[in-house]
PDB file of N, CA and C in Angstrom:
ATOM      1  N   MET A   1     -97.944-106.130  24.208  1.00  0.00           N
ATOM      2  CA  MET A   1     -96.840-105.641  23.407  1.00  0.00           C
ATOM      3  C   MET A   1     -96.742-106.433  22.115  1.00  0.00           C
ATOM      4  N   ASP A   2     -96.220-105.759  21.104  1.00  0.00           N
ATOM      5  CA  ASP A   2     -96.019-106.433  19.826  1.00  0.00           C
ATOM      6  C   ASP A   2     -94.969-107.520  19.983  1.00  0.00           C
ATOM      7  N   SER A   3     -95.068-108.521  19.123  1.00  0.00           N
ATOM      8  CA  SER A   3     -94.052-109.570  19.146  1.00  0.00           C
ATOM      9  C   SER A   3     -92.769-109.033  18.524  1.00  0.00           C
ATOM     10  N   LEU A   4     -91.707-109.700  18.809  1.00  0.00           N
ATOM     11  CA  LEU A   4     -90.387-109.280  18.345  1.00  0.00           C
ATOM     12  C   LEU A   4     -90.224-109.629  16.860  1.00  0.00           C
ATOM     13  N   PRO A   5     -90.016-108.638  15.986  1.00  0.00           N
ATOM     14  CA  PRO A   5     -89.818-108.936  14.566  1.00  0.00           C
ATOM     15  C   PRO A   5     -88.509-109.699  14.343  1.00  0.00           C
ATOM     16  N   SER A   6     -88.501-110.624  13.413  1.00  0.00           N
ATOM     17  CA  SER A   6     -87.303-111.433  13.170  1.00  0.00           C
ATOM     18  C   SER A   6     -86.124-110.584  12.688  1.00  0.00           C
ATOM     19  N   TRP A   7     -86.384-109.468  12.011  1.00  0.00           N
ATOM     20  CA  TRP A   7     -85.294-108.639  11.501  1.00  0.00           C
ATOM     21  C   TRP A   7     -84.445-108.037  12.617  1.00  0.00           C
ATOM     22  N   THR A   8     -84.982-107.977  13.838  1.00  0.00           N
ATOM     23  CA  THR A   8     -84.215-107.379  14.931  1.00  0.00           C
ATOM     24  C   THR A   8     -82.981-108.209  15.270  1.00  0.00           C
ATOM     25  N   TYR A   9     -83.084-109.537  15.131  1.00  0.00           N
ATOM     26  CA  TYR A   9     -81.909-110.381  15.374  1.00  0.00           C
ATOM     27  C   TYR A   9     -80.860-110.172  14.286  1.00  0.00           C
ATOM     28  N   GLU A  10     -81.319-109.974  13.056  1.00  0.00           N
ATOM     29  CA  GLU A  10     -80.396-109.676  11.966  1.00  0.00           C
ATOM     30  C   GLU A  10     -79.694-108.349  12.218  1.00  0.00           C
ATOM     31  N   PHE A  11     -80.461-107.350  12.636  1.00  0.00           N
ATOM     32  CA  PHE A  11     -79.917-106.031  12.961  1.00  0.00           C
ATOM     33  C   PHE A  11     -78.864-106.149  14.055  1.00  0.00           C
ATOM     34  N   HIS A  12     -79.163-106.929  15.083  1.00  0.00           N
ATOM     35  CA  HIS A  12     -78.263-107.059  16.226  1.00  0.00           C
ATOM     36  C   HIS A  12     -77.067-107.956  15.923  1.00  0.00           C
ATOM     37  N   GLY A  13     -77.257-109.003  15.143  1.00  0.00           N
ATOM     38  CA  GLY A  13     -76.151-109.854  14.745  1.00  0.00           C
ATOM     39  C   GLY A  13     -76.061-111.196  15.436  1.00  0.00           C
ATOM     40  N   HIS A  14     -76.706-111.374  16.570  1.00  0.00           N
ATOM     41  CA  HIS A  14     -76.734-112.679  17.233  1.00  0.00           C
ATOM     42  C   HIS A  14     -77.946-112.747  18.146  1.00  0.00           C
ATOM     43  N   ARG A  15     -78.235-113.951  18.610  1.00  0.00           N
ATOM     44  CA  ARG A  15     -79.381-114.155  19.503  1.00  0.00           C
ATOM     45  C   ARG A  15     -78.904-114.116  20.944  1.00  0.00           C
ATOM     46  N   CYS A  16     -79.472-113.199  21.691  1.00  0.00           N
ATOM     47  CA  CYS A  16     -79.171-113.091  23.116  1.00  0.00           C
ATOM     48  C   CYS A  16     -80.403-112.497  23.787  1.00  0.00           C
ATOM     49  N   PRO A  17     -80.532-112.626  25.088  1.00  0.00           N
ATOM     50  CA  PRO A  17     -81.739-112.133  25.749  1.00  0.00           C
ATOM     51  C   PRO A  17     -81.815-110.617  25.917  1.00  0.00           C
ATOM     52  N   PHE A  18     -80.695-109.913  25.867  1.00  0.00           N
ATOM     53  CA  PHE A  18     -80.748-108.488  26.158  1.00  0.00           C
ATOM     54  C   PHE A  18     -81.254-107.629  25.013  1.00  0.00           C
ATOM     55  N   MET A  19     -81.081-108.053  23.771  1.00  0.00           N
ATOM     56  CA  MET A  19     -81.649-107.286  22.663  1.00  0.00           C
ATOM     57  C   MET A  19     -83.175-107.303  22.749  1.00  0.00           C
ATOM     58  N   PRO A  20     -83.819-108.471  22.924  1.00  0.00           N
ATOM     59  CA  PRO A  20     -85.278-108.462  23.068  1.00  0.00           C
ATOM     60  C   PRO A  20     -85.755-107.691  24.313  1.00  0.00           C
ATOM     61  N   ILE A  21     -84.978-107.740  25.377  1.00  0.00           N
ATOM     62  CA  ILE A  21     -85.333-106.962  26.575  1.00  0.00           C
ATOM     63  C   ILE A  21     -85.336-105.476  26.232  1.00  0.00           C
ATOM     64  N   GLY A  22     -84.292-105.022  25.543  1.00  0.00           N
ATOM     65  CA  GLY A  22     -84.238-103.619  25.132  1.00  0.00           C
ATOM     66  C   GLY A  22     -85.380-103.248  24.203  1.00  0.00           C
ATOM     67  N   TYR A  23     -85.732-104.168  23.293  1.00  0.00           N
ATOM     68  CA  TYR A  23     -86.839-103.926  22.370  1.00  0.00           C
ATOM     69  C   TYR A  23     -88.141-103.727  23.150  1.00  0.00           C
ATOM     70  N   ARG A  24     -88.375-104.583  24.117  1.00  0.00           N
ATOM     71  CA  ARG A  24     -89.609-104.472  24.908  1.00  0.00           C
ATOM     72  C   ARG A  24     -89.602-103.239  25.793  1.00  0.00           C
ATOM     73  N   MET A  25     -88.432-102.857  26.297  1.00  0.00           N
ATOM     74  CA  MET A  25     -88.318-101.612  27.068  1.00  0.00           C
ATOM     75  C   MET A  25     -88.681-100.416  26.177  1.00  0.00           C
ATOM     76  N   GLY A  26     -88.201-100.444  24.942  1.00  0.00           N
ATOM     77  CA  GLY A  26     -88.525 -99.376  23.993  1.00  0.00           C
ATOM     78  C   GLY A  26     -90.012 -99.306  23.700  1.00  0.00           C
ATOM     79  N   GLN A  27     -90.635-100.472  23.507  1.00  0.00           N
ATOM     80  CA  GLN A  27     -92.082-100.510  23.259  1.00  0.00           C
ATOM     81  C   GLN A  27     -92.862 -99.945  24.447  1.00  0.00           C
ATOM     82  N   LEU A  28     -92.451-100.329  25.643  1.00  0.00           N
ATOM     83  CA  LEU A  28     -93.125 -99.846  26.850  1.00  0.00           C
ATOM     84  C   LEU A  28     -93.013 -98.328  26.955  1.00  0.00           C
ATOM     85  N   ALA A  29     -91.845 -97.798  26.714  1.00  0.00           N
ATOM     86  CA  ALA A  29     -91.643 -96.352  26.781  1.00  0.00           C
ATOM     87  C   ALA A  29     -92.496 -95.621  25.740  1.00  0.00           C
ATOM     88  N   MET A  30     -92.536 -96.150  24.515  1.00  0.00           N
ATOM     89  CA  MET A  30     -93.344 -95.513  23.461  1.00  0.00           C
ATOM     90  C   MET A  30     -94.823 -95.544  23.811  1.00  0.00           C
ATOM     91  N   ARG A  31     -95.282 -96.681  24.307  1.00  0.00           N
ATOM     92  CA  ARG A  31     -96.698 -96.793  24.675  1.00  0.00           C
ATOM     93  C   ARG A  31     -97.028 -95.817  25.811  1.00  0.00           C
ATOM     94  N   THR A  32     -96.142 -95.687  26.780  1.00  0.00           N
ATOM     95  CA  THR A  32     -96.359 -94.778  27.903  1.00  0.00           C
ATOM     96  C   THR A  32     -96.413 -93.328  27.437  1.00  0.00           C
ATOM     97  N   LEU A  33     -95.543 -92.955  26.497  1.00  0.00           N
ATOM     98  CA  LEU A  33     -95.541 -91.584  25.964  1.00  0.00           C
ATOM     99  C   LEU A  33     -96.636 -91.351  24.928  1.00  0.00           C
ATOM    100  N   GLY A  34     -97.183 -92.426  24.388  1.00  0.00           N
ATOM    101  CA  GLY A  34     -98.192 -92.289  23.343  1.00  0.00           C
ATOM    102  C   GLY A  34     -97.590 -91.890  22.012  1.00  0.00           C
ATOM    103  N   VAL A  35     -96.425 -92.478  21.676  1.00  0.00           N
ATOM    104  CA  VAL A  35     -95.743 -92.165  20.420  1.00  0.00           C
ATOM    105  C   VAL A  35     -95.505 -93.443  19.625  1.00  0.00           C
ATOM    106  N   GLU A  36     -95.205 -93.268  18.358  1.00  0.00           N
ATOM    107  CA  GLU A  36     -94.901 -94.368  17.452  1.00  0.00           C
ATOM    108  C   GLU A  36     -93.401 -94.419  17.200  1.00  0.00           C
ATOM    109  N   ARG A  37     -92.959 -95.483  16.548  1.00  0.00           N
ATOM    110  CA  ARG A  37     -91.549 -95.625  16.169  1.00  0.00           C
ATOM    111  C   ARG A  37     -91.138 -94.437  15.309  1.00  0.00           C
ATOM    112  N   GLU A  38     -89.956 -93.906  15.546  1.00  0.00           N
ATOM    113  CA  GLU A  38     -89.483 -92.699  14.882  1.00  0.00           C
ATOM    114  C   GLU A  38     -88.949 -92.998  13.484  1.00  0.00           C
ATOM    115  N   PRO A  39     -89.615 -92.478  12.429  1.00  0.00           N
ATOM    116  CA  PRO A  39     -89.141 -92.708  11.069  1.00  0.00           C
ATOM    117  C   PRO A  39     -88.035 -91.736  10.660  1.00  0.00           C
ATOM    118  N   ASP A  40     -87.912 -90.613  11.355  1.00  0.00           N
ATOM    119  CA  ASP A  40     -86.975 -89.572  10.940  1.00  0.00           C
ATOM    120  C   ASP A  40     -86.222 -89.037  12.159  1.00  0.00           C
ATOM    121  N   HIS A  41     -86.618 -87.881  12.661  1.00  0.00           N
ATOM    122  CA  HIS A  41     -85.967 -87.248  13.811  1.00  0.00           C
ATOM    123  C   HIS A  41     -87.048 -86.744  14.772  1.00  0.00           C
ATOM    124  N   GLY A  42     -86.704 -86.641  16.045  1.00  0.00           N
ATOM    125  CA  GLY A  42     -87.662 -86.071  16.993  1.00  0.00           C
ATOM    126  C   GLY A  42     -87.960 -86.936  18.199  1.00  0.00           C
ATOM    127  N   LEU A  43     -87.430 -88.149  18.274  1.00  0.00           N
ATOM    128  CA  LEU A  43     -87.627 -89.030  19.422  1.00  0.00           C
ATOM    129  C   LEU A  43     -86.231 -89.443  19.886  1.00  0.00           C
ATOM    130  N   PHE A  44     -85.897 -89.119  21.112  1.00  0.00           N
ATOM    131  CA  PHE A  44     -84.534 -89.287  21.599  1.00  0.00           C
ATOM    132  C   PHE A  44     -84.458 -90.333  22.703  1.00  0.00           C
ATOM    133  N   ALA A  45     -83.447 -91.197  22.620  1.00  0.00           N
ATOM    134  CA  ALA A  45     -83.239 -92.251  23.609  1.00  0.00           C
ATOM    135  C   ALA A  45     -81.908 -92.018  24.316  1.00  0.00           C
ATOM    136  N   PHE A  46     -81.949 -92.118  25.639  1.00  0.00           N
ATOM    137  CA  PHE A  46     -80.759 -91.918  26.450  1.00  0.00           C
ATOM    138  C   PHE A  46     -80.535 -93.138  27.347  1.00  0.00           C
ATOM    139  N   PRO A  47     -79.879 -94.184  26.806  1.00  0.00           N
ATOM    140  CA  PRO A  47     -79.602 -95.357  27.638  1.00  0.00           C
ATOM    141  C   PRO A  47     -78.544 -95.024  28.689  1.00  0.00           C
ATOM    142  N   GLU A  48     -78.716 -95.577  29.858  1.00  0.00           N
ATOM    143  CA  GLU A  48     -77.792 -95.336  30.964  1.00  0.00           C
ATOM    144  C   GLU A  48     -76.713 -96.416  31.017  1.00  0.00           C
ATOM    145  N   ILE A  49     -76.491 -97.069  29.905  1.00  0.00           N
ATOM    146  CA  ILE A  49     -75.590 -98.210  29.840  1.00  0.00           C
ATOM    147  C   ILE A  49     -74.129 -97.803  29.957  1.00  0.00           C
ATOM    148  N   GLY A  50     -73.310 -98.802  30.296  1.00  0.00           N
ATOM    149  CA  GLY A  50     -71.862 -98.644  30.270  1.00  0.00           C
ATOM    150  C   GLY A  50     -71.343 -99.156  28.941  1.00  0.00           C
ATOM    151  N   VAL A  51     -70.159 -99.753  28.958  1.00  0.00           N
ATOM    152  CA  VAL A  51     -69.531-100.185  27.717  1.00  0.00           C
ATOM    153  C   VAL A  51     -69.643-101.682  27.456  1.00  0.00           C
ATOM    154  N   GLY A  52     -70.004-102.463  28.435  1.00  0.00           N
ATOM    155  CA  GLY A  52     -69.905-103.907  28.283  1.00  0.00           C
ATOM    156  C   GLY A  52     -71.154-104.607  27.808  1.00  0.00           C
ATOM    157  N   HIS A  53     -70.901-105.816  27.336  1.00  0.00           N
ATOM    158  CA  HIS A  53     -71.971-106.741  27.039  1.00  0.00           C
ATOM    159  C   HIS A  53     -72.570-107.122  28.378  1.00  0.00           C
ATOM    160  N   PRO A  54     -73.845-107.181  28.555  1.00  0.00           N
ATOM    161  CA  PRO A  54     -74.948-107.186  27.610  1.00  0.00           C
ATOM    162  C   PRO A  54     -75.642-105.839  27.453  1.00  0.00           C
ATOM    163  N   MET A  55     -75.117-104.805  28.101  1.00  0.00           N
ATOM    164  CA  MET A  55     -75.791-103.503  28.036  1.00  0.00           C
ATOM    165  C   MET A  55     -75.900-102.976  26.614  1.00  0.00           C
ATOM    166  N   THR A  56     -74.864-103.189  25.827  1.00  0.00           N
ATOM    167  CA  THR A  56     -74.896-102.695  24.455  1.00  0.00           C
ATOM    168  C   THR A  56     -75.921-103.455  23.616  1.00  0.00           C
ATOM    169  N   CYS A  57     -76.168-104.715  23.970  1.00  0.00           N
ATOM    170  CA  CYS A  57     -77.211-105.489  23.285  1.00  0.00           C
ATOM    171  C   CYS A  57     -78.584-104.874  23.566  1.00  0.00           C
ATOM    172  N   MET A  58     -78.791-104.448  24.813  1.00  0.00           N
ATOM    173  CA  MET A  58     -80.041-103.794  25.184  1.00  0.00           C
ATOM    174  C   MET A  58     -80.240-102.527  24.342  1.00  0.00           C
ATOM    175  N   ALA A  59     -79.168-101.774  24.119  1.00  0.00           N
ATOM    176  CA  ALA A  59     -79.258-100.550  23.320  1.00  0.00           C
ATOM    177  C   ALA A  59     -79.682-100.847  21.889  1.00  0.00           C
ATOM    178  N   ASP A  60     -79.212-101.958  21.318  1.00  0.00           N
ATOM    179  CA  ASP A  60     -79.653-102.333  19.970  1.00  0.00           C
ATOM    180  C   ASP A  60     -81.157-102.587  19.955  1.00  0.00           C
ATOM    181  N   GLY A  61     -81.668-103.239  20.986  1.00  0.00           N
ATOM    182  CA  GLY A  61     -83.106-103.476  21.073  1.00  0.00           C
ATOM    183  C   GLY A  61     -83.891-102.179  21.171  1.00  0.00           C
ATOM    184  N   ILE A  62     -83.380-101.231  21.946  1.00  0.00           N
ATOM    185  CA  ILE A  62     -84.035 -99.924  22.083  1.00  0.00           C
ATOM    186  C   ILE A  62     -84.055 -99.210  20.734  1.00  0.00           C
ATOM    187  N   GLN A  63     -82.928 -99.246  20.023  1.00  0.00           N
ATOM    188  CA  GLN A  63     -82.864 -98.615  18.697  1.00  0.00           C
ATOM    189  C   GLN A  63     -83.866 -99.246  17.736  1.00  0.00           C
ATOM    190  N   ALA A  64     -83.923-100.584  17.742  1.00  0.00           N
ATOM    191  CA  ALA A  64     -84.833-101.288  16.833  1.00  0.00           C
ATOM    192  C   ALA A  64     -86.288-100.951  17.130  1.00  0.00           C
ATOM    193  N   ALA A  65     -86.643-100.878  18.391  1.00  0.00           N
ATOM    194  CA  ALA A  65     -88.035-100.600  18.761  1.00  0.00           C
ATOM    195  C   ALA A  65     -88.438 -99.167  18.487  1.00  0.00           C
ATOM    196  N   THR A  66     -87.569 -98.230  18.855  1.00  0.00           N
ATOM    197  CA  THR A  66     -87.962 -96.818  18.833  1.00  0.00           C
ATOM    198  C   THR A  66     -87.622 -96.099  17.535  1.00  0.00           C
ATOM    199  N   GLY A  67     -86.633 -96.590  16.802  1.00  0.00           N
ATOM    200  CA  GLY A  67     -86.154 -95.858  15.631  1.00  0.00           C
ATOM    201  C   GLY A  67     -85.206 -94.738  16.005  1.00  0.00           C
ATOM    202  N   SER A  68     -84.953 -94.576  17.287  1.00  0.00           N
ATOM    203  CA  SER A  68     -84.001 -93.573  17.780  1.00  0.00           C
ATOM    204  C   SER A  68     -82.620 -94.217  17.759  1.00  0.00           C
ATOM    205  N   THR A  69     -81.853 -93.919  16.722  1.00  0.00           N
ATOM    206  CA  THR A  69     -80.589 -94.610  16.524  1.00  0.00           C
ATOM    207  C   THR A  69     -79.394 -93.685  16.703  1.00  0.00           C
ATOM    208  N   TYR A  70     -78.233 -94.318  16.946  1.00  0.00           N
ATOM    209  CA  TYR A  70     -76.986 -93.560  17.012  1.00  0.00           C
ATOM    210  C   TYR A  70     -76.705 -92.903  15.669  1.00  0.00           C
ATOM    211  N   GLY A  71     -77.011 -93.591  14.594  1.00  0.00           N
ATOM    212  CA  GLY A  71     -76.738 -93.073  13.258  1.00  0.00           C
ATOM    213  C   GLY A  71     -77.495 -91.793  12.928  1.00  0.00           C
ATOM    214  N   LYS A  72     -78.688 -91.630  13.489  1.00  0.00           N
ATOM    215  CA  LYS A  72     -79.483 -90.414  13.271  1.00  0.00           C
ATOM    216  C   LYS A  72     -79.234 -89.395  14.378  1.00  0.00           C
ATOM    217  N   LEU A  73     -78.257 -89.682  15.237  1.00  0.00           N
ATOM    218  CA  LEU A  73     -77.914 -88.817  16.382  1.00  0.00           C
ATOM    219  C   LEU A  73     -79.096 -88.629  17.332  1.00  0.00           C
ATOM    220  N   LEU A  74     -79.902 -89.688  17.464  1.00  0.00           N
ATOM    221  CA  LEU A  74     -81.065 -89.657  18.352  1.00  0.00           C
ATOM    222  C   LEU A  74     -80.844 -90.489  19.608  1.00  0.00           C
ATOM    223  N   MET A  75     -79.641 -91.010  19.760  1.00  0.00           N
ATOM    224  CA  MET A  75     -79.323 -91.819  20.934  1.00  0.00           C
ATOM    225  C   MET A  75     -77.959 -91.400  21.460  1.00  0.00           C
ATOM    226  N   GLU A  76     -77.890 -91.283  22.785  1.00  0.00           N
ATOM    227  CA  GLU A  76     -76.625 -90.964  23.427  1.00  0.00           C
ATOM    228  C   GLU A  76     -76.577 -91.691  24.755  1.00  0.00           C
ATOM    229  N   LYS A  77     -75.533 -92.480  24.958  1.00  0.00           N
ATOM    230  CA  LYS A  77     -75.434 -93.227  26.209  1.00  0.00           C
ATOM    231  C   LYS A  77     -74.759 -92.387  27.284  1.00  0.00           C
ATOM    232  N   SER A  78     -75.119 -92.680  28.527  1.00  0.00           N
ATOM    233  CA  SER A  78     -74.586 -91.913  29.646  1.00  0.00           C
ATOM    234  C   SER A  78     -73.295 -92.492  30.202  1.00  0.00           C
ATOM    235  N   GLY A  79     -73.105 -93.801  30.060  1.00  0.00           N
ATOM    236  CA  GLY A  79     -71.934 -94.438  30.637  1.00  0.00           C
ATOM    237  C   GLY A  79     -72.087 -94.791  32.108  1.00  0.00           C
ATOM    238  N   ILE A  80     -73.284 -94.607  32.655  1.00  0.00           N
ATOM    239  CA  ILE A  80     -73.526 -94.871  34.078  1.00  0.00           C
ATOM    240  C   ILE A  80     -73.407 -96.353  34.411  1.00  0.00           C
ATOM    241  N   GLY A  81     -73.828 -97.212  33.505  1.00  0.00           N
ATOM    242  CA  GLY A  81     -73.747 -98.647  33.730  1.00  0.00           C
ATOM    243  C   GLY A  81     -75.003 -99.253  34.316  1.00  0.00           C
ATOM    244  N   LYS A  82     -76.164 -98.671  34.013  1.00  0.00           N
ATOM    245  CA  LYS A  82     -77.436 -99.212  34.494  1.00  0.00           C
ATOM    246  C   LYS A  82     -78.226 -99.798  33.332  1.00  0.00           C
ATOM    247  N   LEU A  83     -79.099-100.727  33.655  1.00  0.00           N
ATOM    248  CA  LEU A  83     -79.984-101.320  32.654  1.00  0.00           C
ATOM    249  C   LEU A  83     -81.283-100.514  32.636  1.00  0.00           C
ATOM    250  N   ALA A  84     -81.165 -99.295  32.117  1.00  0.00           N
ATOM    251  CA  ALA A  84     -82.276 -98.352  32.096  1.00  0.00           C
ATOM    252  C   ALA A  84     -82.062 -97.366  30.945  1.00  0.00           C
ATOM    253  N   PHE A  85     -83.144 -96.686  30.556  1.00  0.00           N
ATOM    254  CA  PHE A  85     -83.015 -95.615  29.568  1.00  0.00           C
ATOM    255  C   PHE A  85     -84.184 -94.657  29.695  1.00  0.00           C
ATOM    256  N   THR A  86     -83.989 -93.462  29.151  1.00  0.00           N
ATOM    257  CA  THR A  86     -85.036 -92.449  29.098  1.00  0.00           C
ATOM    258  C   THR A  86     -85.370 -92.194  27.639  1.00  0.00           C
ATOM    259  N   LEU A  87     -86.658 -92.145  27.344  1.00  0.00           N
ATOM    260  CA  LEU A  87     -87.134 -91.812  26.005  1.00  0.00           C
ATOM    261  C   LEU A  87     -87.779 -90.438  26.091  1.00  0.00           C
ATOM    262  N   PHE A  88     -87.378 -89.539  25.185  1.00  0.00           N
ATOM    263  CA  PHE A  88     -87.832 -88.156  25.224  1.00  0.00           C
ATOM    264  C   PHE A  88     -88.389 -87.728  23.876  1.00  0.00           C
ATOM    265  N   LYS A  89     -89.597 -87.200  23.888  1.00  0.00           N
ATOM    266  CA  LYS A  89     -90.234 -86.602  22.706  1.00  0.00           C
ATOM    267  C   LYS A  89     -90.565 -85.174  23.117  1.00  0.00           C
ATOM    268  N   PRO A  90     -89.952 -84.166  22.496  1.00  0.00           N
ATOM    269  CA  PRO A  90     -90.158 -82.784  22.935  1.00  0.00           C
ATOM    270  C   PRO A  90     -91.628 -82.379  23.118  1.00  0.00           C
ATOM    271  N   SER A  91     -92.503 -82.838  22.259  1.00  0.00           N
ATOM    272  CA  SER A  91     -93.911 -82.441  22.360  1.00  0.00           C
ATOM    273  C   SER A  91     -94.701 -83.266  23.377  1.00  0.00           C
ATOM    274  N   LYS A  92     -94.098 -84.347  23.900  1.00  0.00           N
ATOM    275  CA  LYS A  92     -94.821 -85.257  24.800  1.00  0.00           C
ATOM    276  C   LYS A  92     -94.205 -85.370  26.187  1.00  0.00           C
ATOM    277  N   GLY A  93     -92.915 -85.112  26.314  1.00  0.00           N
ATOM    278  CA  GLY A  93     -92.233 -85.281  27.585  1.00  0.00           C
ATOM    279  C   GLY A  93     -91.283 -86.464  27.542  1.00  0.00           C
ATOM    280  N   ALA A  94     -90.988 -87.008  28.727  1.00  0.00           N
ATOM    281  CA  ALA A  94     -90.016 -88.087  28.831  1.00  0.00           C
ATOM    282  C   ALA A  94     -90.512 -89.166  29.781  1.00  0.00           C
ATOM    283  N   VAL A  95     -89.992 -90.366  29.579  1.00  0.00           N
ATOM    284  CA  VAL A  95     -90.290 -91.487  30.469  1.00  0.00           C
ATOM    285  C   VAL A  95     -89.007 -92.302  30.628  1.00  0.00           C
ATOM    286  N   ARG A  96     -88.772 -92.778  31.847  1.00  0.00           N
ATOM    287  CA  ARG A  96     -87.608 -93.624  32.122  1.00  0.00           C
ATOM    288  C   ARG A  96     -88.095 -95.043  32.384  1.00  0.00           C
ATOM    289  N   VAL A  97     -87.425 -96.009  31.754  1.00  0.00           N
ATOM    290  CA  VAL A  97     -87.739 -97.424  31.934  1.00  0.00           C
ATOM    291  C   VAL A  97     -86.478 -98.099  32.458  1.00  0.00           C
ATOM    292  N   ALA A  98     -86.615 -98.897  33.510  1.00  0.00           N
ATOM    293  CA  ALA A  98     -85.464 -99.594  34.094  1.00  0.00           C
ATOM    294  C   ALA A  98     -85.846-101.034  34.433  1.00  0.00           C
ATOM    295  N   MET A  99     -84.862-101.906  34.367  1.00  0.00           N
ATOM    296  CA  MET A  99     -85.081-103.294  34.793  1.00  0.00           C
ATOM    297  C   MET A  99     -85.163-103.343  36.307  1.00  0.00           C
ATOM    298  N   LYS A 100     -86.054-104.171  36.790  1.00  0.00           N
ATOM    299  CA  LYS A 100     -86.157-104.371  38.230  1.00  0.00           C
ATOM    300  C   LYS A 100     -84.924-105.136  38.711  1.00  0.00           C
ATOM    301  N   PRO A 101     -84.336-104.717  39.831  1.00  0.00           N
ATOM    302  CA  PRO A 101     -83.140-105.407  40.341  1.00  0.00           C
ATOM    303  C   PRO A 101     -83.362-106.901  40.580  1.00  0.00           C
ATOM    304  N   GLU A 102     -84.549-107.275  41.030  1.00  0.00           N
ATOM    305  CA  GLU A 102     -84.796-108.698  41.285  1.00  0.00           C
ATOM    306  C   GLU A 102     -84.785-109.510  39.989  1.00  0.00           C
ATOM    307  N   PHE A 103     -85.171-108.896  38.871  1.00  0.00           N
ATOM    308  CA  PHE A 103     -85.096-109.576  37.574  1.00  0.00           C
ATOM    309  C   PHE A 103     -83.637-109.768  37.175  1.00  0.00           C
ATOM    310  N   VAL A 104     -82.851-108.724  37.335  1.00  0.00           N
ATOM    311  CA  VAL A 104     -81.428-108.793  36.996  1.00  0.00           C
ATOM    312  C   VAL A 104     -80.736-109.863  37.843  1.00  0.00           C
ATOM    313  N   ASP A 105     -81.102-109.963  39.108  1.00  0.00           N
ATOM    314  CA  ASP A 105     -80.508-110.971  40.003  1.00  0.00           C
ATOM    315  C   ASP A 105     -80.792-112.396  39.551  1.00  0.00           C
ATOM    316  N   GLU A 106     -81.902-112.616  38.852  1.00  0.00           N
ATOM    317  CA  GLU A 106     -82.286-113.950  38.402  1.00  0.00           C
ATOM    318  C   GLU A 106     -81.615-114.362  37.092  1.00  0.00           C
ATOM    319  N   LEU A 107     -81.077-113.423  36.348  1.00  0.00           N
ATOM    320  CA  LEU A 107     -80.536-113.708  35.019  1.00  0.00           C
ATOM    321  C   LEU A 107     -79.435-114.778  34.993  1.00  0.00           C
ATOM    322  N   PRO A 108     -78.497-114.804  35.942  1.00  0.00           N
ATOM    323  CA  PRO A 108     -77.437-115.820  35.870  1.00  0.00           C
ATOM    324  C   PRO A 108     -77.945-117.265  35.911  1.00  0.00           C
ATOM    325  N   LYS A 109     -79.162-117.483  36.326  1.00  0.00           N
ATOM    326  CA  LYS A 109     -79.723-118.825  36.393  1.00  0.00           C
ATOM    327  C   LYS A 109     -80.103-119.378  35.017  1.00  0.00           C
ATOM    328  N   PHE A 110     -80.245-118.498  34.027  1.00  0.00           N
ATOM    329  CA  PHE A 110     -80.678-118.928  32.710  1.00  0.00           C
ATOM    330  C   PHE A 110     -79.541-119.584  31.922  1.00  0.00           C
ATOM    331  N   GLU A 111     -79.903-120.554  31.096  1.00  0.00           N
ATOM    332  CA  GLU A 111     -78.944-121.349  30.334  1.00  0.00           C
ATOM    333  C   GLU A 111     -78.035-120.484  29.460  1.00  0.00           C
ATOM    334  N   PHE A 112     -78.574-119.421  28.882  1.00  0.00           N
ATOM    335  CA  PHE A 112     -77.775-118.551  28.013  1.00  0.00           C
ATOM    336  C   PHE A 112     -76.541-118.046  28.738  1.00  0.00           C
ATOM    337  N   PHE A 113     -76.702-117.635  29.983  1.00  0.00           N
ATOM    338  CA  PHE A 113     -75.590-117.059  30.720  1.00  0.00           C
ATOM    339  C   PHE A 113     -74.560-118.113  31.118  1.00  0.00           C
ATOM    340  N   LYS A 114     -75.008-119.320  31.360  1.00  0.00           N
ATOM    341  CA  LYS A 114     -74.076-120.423  31.634  1.00  0.00           C
ATOM    342  C   LYS A 114     -73.271-120.726  30.376  1.00  0.00           C
ATOM    343  N   TYR A 115     -73.943-120.727  29.241  1.00  0.00           N
ATOM    344  CA  TYR A 115     -73.291-120.957  27.942  1.00  0.00           C
ATOM    345  C   TYR A 115     -72.287-119.854  27.646  1.00  0.00           C
ATOM    346  N   ARG A 116     -72.693-118.622  27.877  1.00  0.00           N
ATOM    347  CA  ARG A 116     -71.844-117.455  27.612  1.00  0.00           C
ATOM    348  C   ARG A 116     -70.598-117.483  28.486  1.00  0.00           C
ATOM    349  N   LYS A 117     -70.780-117.822  29.763  1.00  0.00           N
ATOM    350  CA  LYS A 117     -69.664-117.887  30.698  1.00  0.00           C
ATOM    351  C   LYS A 117     -68.640-118.938  30.291  1.00  0.00           C
ATOM    352  N   ALA A 118     -69.128-120.010  29.686  1.00  0.00           N
ATOM    353  CA  ALA A 118     -68.241-121.088  29.248  1.00  0.00           C
ATOM    354  C   ALA A 118     -67.427-120.713  28.014  1.00  0.00           C
ATOM    355  N   GLY A 119     -67.742-119.579  27.422  1.00  0.00           N
ATOM    356  CA  GLY A 119     -66.993-119.096  26.260  1.00  0.00           C
ATOM    357  C   GLY A 119     -67.595-119.508  24.959  1.00  0.00           C
TER     358      GLY A 119
END
């Protein structure tokens, strides 16, 4: 996978682990579908996220990777509250990418989450 461009942190506004996770999820989905980042319209992202942090950070990463943004009406969240999304290209089909539950279970052990919890 490509390395994370520095502009993605500027786009997101702060450094956290979920934006890069979303970026890599977007890259994986694009590679699986055989598509490139969307410069205009035609590639749709459907994150299954809810309303809370860190899910929304993941969505920023997906937008940065795929070019499928809320502003271009190419992204719509489901509100389900899962760390997953579907990428759809009408001419290619769709692919769903989700975090493995065992990975999610390990996240609280990382220093970032201890720092975040402390306020």
